[in-house]
Amino acid sequence: MSLTRAFIALEMPEPMQRELHKLALPIQRQMKDLPLRWVQIPNIHLTLKFLGPVSPEQIAQIGPRLQALAAQTPLLPVHISAVGAFPNAAQPRVLWAGLETPPELHALQAGLEQDLVALGFAAEPHPFRPHLTLARLRREHRPANIKRISEMLAEAKVNPPQSIALDSLALFSSDLKPGGSVYTPLVRSALVGN
């Protein structure tokens, strides 16, 4: 049986991709000589749950659950509110854009988590923190790079927020390629506000 590496996420509509480009471009220019692997803007999404390897049977079970959740969820207005790093700015491994989100987003993620646990997936051990991954620190780096990244993150500016509605929930496959991950939507569900 062939397994598919998969995750569930909200897709970024074009207006949000433009906002991300405006935010990321100056940061990329400033950090161009640092060992960071930048995520291509079209590949940026708001992950709600990473599933890992899933079977075709599990994909068939997940699809109807996504459609049911999407049918109960209005469009989700969000805006970029910050730039930061995981696990923290002093030890940046992942650079992200933080989002200001409505309570309905957290309700959607909690409902999804509950449905997936009922299907046998492991519960997420960490609290949900809505963010969009911008870059990952490469393994080959020096302590001086960490300090520079931390300083540049502290200076990063977020433009005045523009609220953009997220309207599409999807189950993606993730294929790891030499040039980076390739994401393919397997199931898409429009939120009820469409």
C-alpha atoms as a PDB file:
ATOM      1  CA  MET A   1       0.000   0.000   0.000  1.00  0.00           C
ATOM      2  CA  SER A   2       1.454   3.379  -0.964  1.00  0.00           C
ATOM      3  CA  LEU A   3       1.330   6.109   1.655  1.00  0.00           C
ATOM      4  CA  THR A   4       1.119   9.846   0.982  1.00  0.00           C
ATOM      5  CA  ARG A   5       2.804  12.440   3.207  1.00  0.00           C
ATOM      6  CA  ALA A   6      -0.051  14.860   3.896  1.00  0.00           C
ATOM      7  CA  PHE A   7      -1.263  17.884   5.828  1.00  0.00           C
ATOM      8  CA  ILE A   8      -4.419  20.015   6.077  1.00  0.00           C
ATOM      9  CA  ALA A   9      -4.217  23.762   5.558  1.00  0.00           C
ATOM     10  CA  LEU A  10      -6.043  26.908   4.557  1.00  0.00           C
ATOM     11  CA  GLU A  11      -4.876  28.148   1.176  1.00  0.00           C
ATOM     12  CA  MET A  12      -3.619  31.701   0.733  1.00  0.00           C
ATOM     13  CA  PRO A  13      -5.664  33.687  -1.804  1.00  0.00           C
ATOM     14  CA  GLU A  14      -3.815  35.931  -4.234  1.00  0.00           C
ATOM     15  CA  PRO A  15      -4.268  39.159  -2.194  1.00  0.00           C
ATOM     16  CA  MET A  16      -2.570  37.468   0.781  1.00  0.00           C
ATOM     17  CA  GLN A  17       0.225  36.191  -1.457  1.00  0.00           C
ATOM     18  CA  ARG A  18       0.823  39.790  -2.576  1.00  0.00           C
ATOM     19  CA  GLU A  19       0.942  40.964   1.061  1.00  0.00           C
ATOM     20  CA  LEU A  20       3.394  38.179   1.900  1.00  0.00           C
ATOM     21  CA  HIS A  21       5.585  39.138  -1.054  1.00  0.00           C
ATOM     22  CA  LYS A  22       5.654  42.793   0.119  1.00  0.00           C
ATOM     23  CA  LEU A  23       6.568  41.646   3.631  1.00  0.00           C
ATOM     24  CA  ALA A  24       9.135  38.968   2.717  1.00  0.00           C
ATOM     25  CA  LEU A  25      11.054  40.714  -0.072  1.00  0.00           C
ATOM     26  CA  PRO A  26      12.817  43.345   2.104  1.00  0.00           C
ATOM     27  CA  ILE A  27      13.592  40.693   4.741  1.00  0.00           C
ATOM     28  CA  GLN A  28      15.030  38.355   2.086  1.00  0.00           C
ATOM     29  CA  ARG A  29      17.210  41.157   0.705  1.00  0.00           C
ATOM     30  CA  GLN A  30      18.475  42.006   4.173  1.00  0.00           C
ATOM     31  CA  MET A  31      19.217  38.344   4.975  1.00  0.00           C
ATOM     32  CA  LYS A  32      20.407  37.234   1.511  1.00  0.00           C
ATOM     33  CA  ASP A  33      23.845  36.103   2.719  1.00  0.00           C
ATOM     34  CA  LEU A  34      22.458  34.077   5.651  1.00  0.00           C
ATOM     35  CA  PRO A  35      21.862  30.297   5.565  1.00  0.00           C
ATOM     36  CA  LEU A  36      18.070  30.434   5.161  1.00  0.00           C
ATOM     37  CA  ARG A  37      15.883  28.371   2.836  1.00  0.00           C
ATOM     38  CA  TRP A  38      12.974  30.621   1.800  1.00  0.00           C
ATOM     39  CA  VAL A  39       9.523  29.211   1.077  1.00  0.00           C
ATOM     40  CA  GLN A  40       8.208  30.176  -2.364  1.00  0.00           C
ATOM     41  CA  ILE A  41       5.199  32.499  -1.885  1.00  0.00           C
ATOM     42  CA  PRO A  42       2.749  30.202  -3.802  1.00  0.00           C
ATOM     43  CA  ASN A  43       3.709  27.370  -1.395  1.00  0.00           C
ATOM     44  CA  ILE A  44       2.848  29.337   1.744  1.00  0.00           C
ATOM     45  CA  HIS A  45      -0.298  28.139   3.520  1.00  0.00           C
ATOM     46  CA  LEU A  46      -1.788  28.159   7.015  1.00  0.00           C
ATOM     47  CA  THR A  47      -1.245  24.635   8.314  1.00  0.00           C
ATOM     48  CA  LEU A  48      -3.995  23.374  10.599  1.00  0.00           C
ATOM     49  CA  LYS A  49      -2.698  19.806  11.003  1.00  0.00           C
ATOM     50  CA  PHE A  50       0.313  17.848   9.759  1.00  0.00           C
ATOM     51  CA  LEU A  51      -0.756  14.230   9.262  1.00  0.00           C
ATOM     52  CA  GLY A  52       2.414  12.471   8.146  1.00  0.00           C
ATOM     53  CA  PRO A  53       2.041   9.335   5.992  1.00  0.00           C
ATOM     54  CA  VAL A  54      -1.618   8.540   5.166  1.00  0.00           C
ATOM     55  CA  SER A  55      -3.216   5.700   3.221  1.00  0.00           C
ATOM     56  CA  PRO A  56      -5.731   6.057   0.365  1.00  0.00           C
ATOM     57  CA  GLU A  57      -8.403   4.795   2.800  1.00  0.00           C
ATOM     58  CA  GLN A  58      -7.585   7.536   5.284  1.00  0.00           C
ATOM     59  CA  ILE A  59      -7.697  10.164   2.521  1.00  0.00           C
ATOM     60  CA  ALA A  60     -11.173   8.894   1.591  1.00  0.00           C
ATOM     61  CA  GLN A  61     -12.266   9.286   5.241  1.00  0.00           C
ATOM     62  CA  ILE A  62     -10.778  12.768   5.644  1.00  0.00           C
ATOM     63  CA  GLY A  63     -12.456  14.306   2.557  1.00  0.00           C
ATOM     64  CA  PRO A  64     -16.057  14.229   3.878  1.00  0.00           C
ATOM     65  CA  ARG A  65     -14.902  15.539   7.285  1.00  0.00           C
ATOM     66  CA  LEU A  66     -13.238  18.523   5.606  1.00  0.00           C
ATOM     67  CA  GLN A  67     -16.356  19.258   3.569  1.00  0.00           C
ATOM     68  CA  ALA A  68     -18.549  19.102   6.687  1.00  0.00           C
ATOM     69  CA  LEU A  69     -16.244  21.448   8.613  1.00  0.00           C
ATOM     70  CA  ALA A  70     -15.989  23.884   5.689  1.00  0.00           C
ATOM     71  CA  ALA A  71     -19.787  23.956   5.420  1.00  0.00           C
ATOM     72  CA  GLN A  72     -19.952  25.175   9.046  1.00  0.00           C
ATOM     73  CA  THR A  73     -17.158  27.760   8.771  1.00  0.00           C
ATOM     74  CA  PRO A  74     -17.576  31.321   7.482  1.00  0.00           C
ATOM     75  CA  LEU A  75     -14.887  33.096   5.503  1.00  0.00           C
ATOM     76  CA  LEU A  76     -11.986  33.838   7.841  1.00  0.00           C
ATOM     77  CA  PRO A  77     -10.687  37.434   7.768  1.00  0.00           C
ATOM     78  CA  VAL A  78      -7.020  37.515   8.825  1.00  0.00           C
ATOM     79  CA  HIS A  79      -4.158  39.962   8.638  1.00  0.00           C
ATOM     80  CA  ILE A  80      -0.404  39.763   9.122  1.00  0.00           C
ATOM     81  CA  SER A  81       0.409  41.181  12.544  1.00  0.00           C
ATOM     82  CA  ALA A  82       4.032  40.271  13.265  1.00  0.00           C
ATOM     83  CA  VAL A  83       7.217  38.606  12.120  1.00  0.00           C
ATOM     84  CA  GLY A  84       8.954  36.158  14.431  1.00  0.00           C
ATOM     85  CA  ALA A  85      10.738  32.852  14.813  1.00  0.00           C
ATOM     86  CA  PHE A  86      10.301  29.400  16.330  1.00  0.00           C
ATOM     87  CA  PRO A  87      11.234  28.336  18.889  1.00  0.00           C
ATOM     88  CA  ASN A  88      12.068  31.988  19.674  1.00  0.00           C
ATOM     89  CA  ALA A  89      13.991  34.999  18.332  1.00  0.00           C
ATOM     90  CA  ALA A  90      17.149  34.010  20.248  1.00  0.00           C
ATOM     91  CA  GLN A  91      17.185  30.571  18.559  1.00  0.00           C
ATOM     92  CA  PRO A  92      15.507  31.119  15.184  1.00  0.00           C
ATOM     93  CA  ARG A  93      14.965  27.832  13.322  1.00  0.00           C
ATOM     94  CA  VAL A  94      11.800  28.866  11.444  1.00  0.00           C
ATOM     95  CA  LEU A  95      10.945  32.441  10.415  1.00  0.00           C
ATOM     96  CA  TRP A  96       7.209  33.178  10.276  1.00  0.00           C
ATOM     97  CA  ALA A  97       4.569  35.804   9.678  1.00  0.00           C
ATOM     98  CA  GLY A  98       2.086  35.823  12.548  1.00  0.00           C
ATOM     99  CA  LEU A  99      -1.605  36.315  11.899  1.00  0.00           C
ATOM    100  CA  GLU A 100      -4.385  38.132  13.723  1.00  0.00           C
ATOM    101  CA  THR A 101      -7.311  35.722  13.336  1.00  0.00           C
ATOM    102  CA  PRO A 102     -10.995  35.453  14.271  1.00  0.00           C
ATOM    103  CA  PRO A 103     -12.245  32.946  16.890  1.00  0.00           C
ATOM    104  CA  GLU A 104     -13.835  30.912  14.068  1.00  0.00           C
ATOM    105  CA  LEU A 105     -10.355  29.895  12.876  1.00  0.00           C
ATOM    106  CA  HIS A 106      -9.557  28.362  16.255  1.00  0.00           C
ATOM    107  CA  ALA A 107     -12.964  26.650  16.274  1.00  0.00           C
ATOM    108  CA  LEU A 108     -12.216  25.186  12.815  1.00  0.00           C
ATOM    109  CA  GLN A 109      -8.809  23.914  13.939  1.00  0.00           C
ATOM    110  CA  ALA A 110     -10.246  22.432  17.164  1.00  0.00           C
ATOM    111  CA  GLY A 111     -13.058  20.712  15.229  1.00  0.00           C
ATOM    112  CA  LEU A 112     -10.549  19.345  12.726  1.00  0.00           C
ATOM    113  CA  GLU A 113      -8.312  18.074  15.524  1.00  0.00           C
ATOM    114  CA  GLN A 114     -11.273  16.349  17.184  1.00  0.00           C
ATOM    115  CA  ASP A 115     -12.367  14.685  13.907  1.00  0.00           C
ATOM    116  CA  LEU A 116      -8.848  13.494  13.113  1.00  0.00           C
ATOM    117  CA  VAL A 117      -8.292  12.037  16.582  1.00  0.00           C
ATOM    118  CA  ALA A 118     -11.581  10.139  16.091  1.00  0.00           C
ATOM    119  CA  LEU A 119     -10.086   8.750  12.846  1.00  0.00           C
ATOM    120  CA  GLY A 120      -7.023   7.501  14.740  1.00  0.00           C
ATOM    121  CA  PHE A 121      -4.529  10.330  14.179  1.00  0.00           C
ATOM    122  CA  ALA A 122      -2.386  11.427  17.122  1.00  0.00           C
ATOM    123  CA  ALA A 123      -3.494  14.542  18.982  1.00  0.00           C
ATOM    124  CA  GLU A 124      -1.354  17.628  18.417  1.00  0.00           C
ATOM    125  CA  PRO A 125       0.866  18.076  21.518  1.00  0.00           C
ATOM    126  CA  HIS A 126       1.378  21.842  21.034  1.00  0.00           C
ATOM    127  CA  PRO A 127      -1.222  24.629  21.162  1.00  0.00           C
ATOM    128  CA  PHE A 128      -2.300  25.995  17.769  1.00  0.00           C
ATOM    129  CA  ARG A 129      -0.406  29.184  16.808  1.00  0.00           C
ATOM    130  CA  PRO A 130      -1.590  30.558  13.452  1.00  0.00           C
ATOM    131  CA  HIS A 131       1.454  31.457  11.367  1.00  0.00           C
ATOM    132  CA  LEU A 132       2.805  31.359   7.834  1.00  0.00           C
ATOM    133  CA  THR A 133       6.290  29.874   7.441  1.00  0.00           C
ATOM    134  CA  LEU A 134       8.573  32.212   5.495  1.00  0.00           C
ATOM    135  CA  ALA A 135      11.967  30.496   5.821  1.00  0.00           C
ATOM    136  CA  ARG A 136      13.898  27.756   7.609  1.00  0.00           C
ATOM    137  CA  LEU A 137      17.441  27.970   8.912  1.00  0.00           C
ATOM    138  CA  ARG A 138      19.766  25.594   7.074  1.00  0.00           C
ATOM    139  CA  ARG A 139      21.754  23.118   9.153  1.00  0.00           C
ATOM    140  CA  GLU A 140      25.088  24.657   8.170  1.00  0.00           C
ATOM    141  CA  HIS A 141      25.152  27.891  10.142  1.00  0.00           C
ATOM    142  CA  ARG A 142      27.406  29.697  12.623  1.00  0.00           C
ATOM    143  CA  PRO A 143      26.383  31.272  15.971  1.00  0.00           C
ATOM    144  CA  ALA A 144      27.040  34.707  14.452  1.00  0.00           C
ATOM    145  CA  ASN A 145      24.285  34.010  11.888  1.00  0.00           C
ATOM    146  CA  ILE A 146      21.778  33.373  14.683  1.00  0.00           C
ATOM    147  CA  LYS A 147      22.615  36.728  16.262  1.00  0.00           C
ATOM    148  CA  ARG A 148      22.204  38.574  12.941  1.00  0.00           C
ATOM    149  CA  ILE A 149      18.884  36.882  12.180  1.00  0.00           C
ATOM    150  CA  SER A 150      17.592  37.776  15.657  1.00  0.00           C
ATOM    151  CA  GLU A 151      18.624  41.416  15.233  1.00  0.00           C
ATOM    152  CA  MET A 152      17.064  41.679  11.766  1.00  0.00           C
ATOM    153  CA  LEU A 153      13.814  40.101  12.974  1.00  0.00           C
ATOM    154  CA  ALA A 154      13.622  42.698  15.752  1.00  0.00           C
ATOM    155  CA  GLU A 155      13.845  45.433  13.086  1.00  0.00           C
ATOM    156  CA  ALA A 156      11.374  43.862  10.594  1.00  0.00           C
ATOM    157  CA  LYS A 157       8.348  46.040   9.896  1.00  0.00           C
ATOM    158  CA  VAL A 158       4.832  44.862   9.159  1.00  0.00           C
ATOM    159  CA  ASN A 159       2.870  47.140   6.815  1.00  0.00           C
ATOM    160  CA  PRO A 160      -0.438  48.513   8.077  1.00  0.00           C
ATOM    161  CA  PRO A 161      -2.673  45.440   8.286  1.00  0.00           C
ATOM    162  CA  GLN A 162      -4.968  44.607   5.403  1.00  0.00           C
ATOM    163  CA  SER A 163      -7.660  42.095   6.289  1.00  0.00           C
ATOM    164  CA  ILE A 164      -7.952  39.289   3.736  1.00  0.00           C
ATOM    165  CA  ALA A 165     -10.538  36.484   3.831  1.00  0.00           C
ATOM    166  CA  LEU A 166      -9.341  32.891   3.718  1.00  0.00           C
ATOM    167  CA  ASP A 167     -11.910  30.804   1.887  1.00  0.00           C
ATOM    168  CA  SER A 168     -10.467  27.389   1.003  1.00  0.00           C
ATOM    169  CA  LEU A 169      -9.616  24.388   3.199  1.00  0.00           C
ATOM    170  CA  ALA A 170      -7.522  21.632   1.596  1.00  0.00           C
ATOM    171  CA  LEU A 171      -5.861  18.299   2.211  1.00  0.00           C
ATOM    172  CA  PHE A 172      -2.432  18.454   0.549  1.00  0.00           C
ATOM    173  CA  SER A 173       0.128  15.858  -0.362  1.00  0.00           C
ATOM    174  CA  SER A 174       3.711  16.916   0.278  1.00  0.00           C
ATOM    175  CA  ASP A 175       6.431  15.477  -1.956  1.00  0.00           C
ATOM    176  CA  LEU A 176       9.982  16.203  -0.856  1.00  0.00           C
ATOM    177  CA  LYS A 177      12.092  17.095  -3.896  1.00  0.00           C
ATOM    178  CA  PRO A 178      15.723  18.283  -4.175  1.00  0.00           C
ATOM    179  CA  GLY A 179      14.502  21.816  -5.014  1.00  0.00           C
ATOM    180  CA  GLY A 180      12.021  21.901  -2.115  1.00  0.00           C
ATOM    181  CA  SER A 181       8.631  20.452  -1.245  1.00  0.00           C
ATOM    182  CA  VAL A 182       5.875  20.212  -3.854  1.00  0.00           C
ATOM    183  CA  TYR A 183       2.334  20.535  -2.490  1.00  0.00           C
ATOM    184  CA  THR A 184      -0.642  19.102  -4.362  1.00  0.00           C
ATOM    185  CA  PRO A 185      -4.246  19.565  -3.190  1.00  0.00           C
ATOM    186  CA  LEU A 186      -5.981  16.166  -2.912  1.00  0.00           C
ATOM    187  CA  VAL A 187      -9.291  17.466  -1.514  1.00  0.00           C
ATOM    188  CA  ARG A 188     -10.499  21.087  -1.531  1.00  0.00           C
ATOM    189  CA  SER A 189     -13.495  22.489   0.322  1.00  0.00           C
ATOM    190  CA  ALA A 190     -14.744  26.051   0.030  1.00  0.00           C
ATOM    191  CA  LEU A 191     -15.769  27.691   3.276  1.00  0.00           C
ATOM    192  CA  VAL A 192     -19.514  28.340   3.579  1.00  0.00           C
ATOM    193  CA  GLY A 193     -19.200  32.067   2.913  1.00  0.00           C
ATOM    194  CA  ASN A 194     -18.434  31.395  -0.771  1.00  0.00           C
END
